Amino acid sequence: MPFEDCLCHRLGKTMRKVSRAYRDEIVEYGLTHGQFFVIVAIMEEEGLLPSELAEKTAQERATITGLLDRLAKDGWIERRLDETDRRSFRIYLTEGAIQKKDAILALFENTNRKFLSSFNAEEWTQMQDFLNRLEECN
């Protein structure tokens, strides 16, 4: 099989292109690619535990902790003690992040739509099935 047909190469090349498209759009917010997707996940569902956020974003817990530390330092999120378990904390947007929420979500939707427009509905369903099958491989 030629190198160009290697699955890892093709997925990596595609991912770099998609990442670049987001990076070009999020630079004005001072967010990294990883921070951006964590913020979008929090905007979609506030009050998650860091472990729940790690699962939702398919990140390692240590990676999420670092991203959350930076987002807190930069004024995007705040940690609040969990009312039912004082050993845990939940993640919420700051007032400043809430003010940027519509713009951030529009950027996310528009950039995502640019790539999804390459597929019709049936093709996108098939693509999701293919990706799910790859994720399930050992």
Protein backbone atom coordinates (compact mmCIF):
# COMPACT_ATOMS: atom_id res chain seq x y z
CA MET A 1 0.00 0.00 0.00
CA PRO A 2 1.41 3.42 -0.88
CA PHE A 3 2.11 5.84 1.98
CA GLU A 4 -0.56 8.23 0.69
CA ASP A 5 -3.19 5.53 1.30
CA CYS A 6 -2.20 4.94 4.93
CA LEU A 7 -5.23 5.58 7.15
CA CYS A 8 -3.19 7.38 9.81
CA HIS A 9 -1.63 9.66 7.18
CA ARG A 10 -4.99 10.49 5.58
CA LEU A 11 -6.76 11.15 8.89
CA GLY A 12 -3.83 13.21 10.16
CA LYS A 13 -3.71 15.30 6.99
CA THR A 14 -7.46 15.94 7.19
CA MET A 15 -7.30 16.75 10.89
CA ARG A 16 -4.50 19.28 10.33
CA LYS A 17 -6.58 21.02 7.67
CA VAL A 18 -9.65 21.18 9.92
CA SER A 19 -7.54 22.31 12.89
CA ARG A 20 -5.97 25.07 10.80
CA ALA A 21 -9.40 26.35 9.78
CA TYR A 22 -10.46 26.62 13.43
CA ARG A 23 -7.10 28.06 14.50
CA ASP A 24 -7.42 30.85 11.95
CA GLU A 25 -10.83 31.75 13.40
CA ILE A 26 -10.08 31.47 17.14
CA VAL A 27 -6.84 33.45 17.20
CA GLU A 28 -8.71 36.66 18.08
CA TYR A 29 -9.97 35.01 21.28
CA GLY A 30 -6.50 33.96 22.42
CA LEU A 31 -7.56 30.32 22.62
CA THR A 32 -5.64 27.26 21.55
CA HIS A 33 -7.36 24.55 19.53
CA GLY A 34 -7.74 22.37 22.63
CA GLN A 35 -9.04 25.22 24.77
CA PHE A 36 -11.56 26.18 22.11
CA PHE A 37 -13.18 22.76 22.01
CA VAL A 38 -13.28 22.54 25.81
CA ILE A 39 -14.99 25.96 25.93
CA VAL A 40 -17.52 24.85 23.30
CA ALA A 41 -18.23 21.69 25.34
CA ILE A 42 -18.74 23.80 28.48
CA MET A 43 -20.95 26.24 26.59
CA GLU A 44 -23.06 23.29 25.52
CA GLU A 45 -23.30 21.93 29.08
CA GLU A 46 -22.15 23.88 32.12
CA GLY A 47 -21.66 22.34 35.53
CA LEU A 48 -19.79 19.22 34.49
CA LEU A 49 -17.14 17.61 36.66
CA PRO A 50 -13.66 17.65 35.10
CA SER A 51 -13.89 13.87 34.64
CA GLU A 52 -17.17 14.27 32.77
CA LEU A 53 -15.65 17.00 30.63
CA ALA A 54 -12.66 14.76 29.88
CA GLU A 55 -14.99 12.01 28.70
CA LYS A 56 -17.15 14.41 26.68
CA THR A 57 -14.12 15.83 24.85
CA ALA A 58 -12.24 12.50 24.58
CA GLN A 59 -9.28 13.90 26.52
CA GLU A 60 -7.15 12.45 29.27
CA ARG A 61 -7.97 13.79 32.74
CA ALA A 62 -4.48 15.30 33.10
CA THR A 63 -4.89 17.12 29.77
CA ILE A 64 -8.27 18.51 30.85
CA THR A 65 -6.79 19.71 34.14
CA GLY A 66 -4.12 21.67 32.28
CA LEU A 67 -6.64 23.14 29.86
CA LEU A 68 -8.96 24.12 32.70
CA ASP A 69 -6.09 25.72 34.63
CA ARG A 70 -5.26 27.90 31.66
CA LEU A 71 -8.91 28.74 30.91
CA ALA A 72 -9.41 29.76 34.54
CA LYS A 73 -6.25 31.86 34.51
CA ASP A 74 -7.40 33.58 31.32
CA GLY A 75 -10.85 34.31 32.76
CA TRP A 76 -12.96 31.90 30.69
CA ILE A 77 -14.12 29.48 33.37
CA GLU A 78 -14.53 29.16 37.09
CA ARG A 79 -14.50 26.13 39.33
CA ARG A 80 -17.27 25.88 41.91
CA LEU A 81 -17.46 23.32 44.69
CA ASP A 82 -19.96 20.57 44.02
CA GLU A 83 -22.89 21.07 46.37
CA THR A 84 -23.31 17.33 46.91
CA ASP A 85 -19.61 16.39 47.20
CA ARG A 86 -17.28 19.02 48.67
CA ARG A 87 -14.27 17.07 47.41
CA SER A 88 -15.25 17.83 43.80
CA PHE A 89 -15.80 20.92 41.76
CA ARG A 90 -17.84 21.71 38.69
CA ILE A 91 -16.96 23.90 35.72
CA TYR A 92 -18.90 27.05 34.79
CA LEU A 93 -18.38 29.93 32.37
CA THR A 94 -17.41 33.33 33.71
CA GLU A 95 -19.51 36.38 32.90
CA GLY A 96 -16.93 37.37 30.26
CA ALA A 97 -17.18 33.99 28.57
CA ILE A 98 -20.98 34.15 28.65
CA GLN A 99 -20.78 37.46 26.80
CA LYS A 100 -18.73 35.74 24.05
CA LYS A 101 -20.87 32.61 23.94
CA ASP A 102 -22.97 33.49 20.87
CA ALA A 103 -19.90 34.50 18.86
CA ILE A 104 -17.92 31.40 19.88
CA LEU A 105 -20.78 29.03 19.08
CA ALA A 106 -21.42 30.75 15.74
CA LEU A 107 -17.72 30.38 14.88
CA PHE A 108 -17.89 26.70 15.83
CA GLU A 109 -21.05 26.10 13.79
CA ASN A 110 -19.87 28.03 10.72
CA THR A 111 -16.44 26.40 10.59
CA ASN A 112 -17.91 22.96 11.14
CA ARG A 113 -20.54 23.60 8.46
CA LYS A 114 -17.79 24.45 5.92
CA PHE A 115 -16.51 20.90 6.20
CA LEU A 116 -19.85 19.15 6.61
CA SER A 117 -21.10 20.79 3.43
CA SER A 118 -18.83 18.34 1.59
CA PHE A 119 -21.34 15.61 2.49
CA ASN A 120 -25.02 15.07 1.84
CA ALA A 121 -27.07 13.70 4.76
CA GLU A 122 -26.60 10.06 3.78
CA GLU A 123 -22.85 10.47 3.29
CA TRP A 124 -22.48 12.18 6.68
CA THR A 125 -24.37 9.32 8.34
CA GLN A 126 -22.01 6.86 6.63
CA MET A 127 -18.97 8.92 7.66
CA GLN A 128 -20.10 8.89 11.28
CA ASP A 129 -20.54 5.12 11.05
CA PHE A 130 -17.04 4.73 9.59
CA LEU A 131 -15.53 6.90 12.31
CA ASN A 132 -17.39 4.99 15.02
CA ARG A 133 -16.09 1.71 13.64
CA LEU A 134 -12.53 3.04 13.65
CA GLU A 135 -12.92 4.19 17.26
CA GLU A 136 -14.05 0.68 18.24
CA CYS A 137 -10.96 -1.01 16.73
CA ASN A 138 -8.51 -2.44 19.23
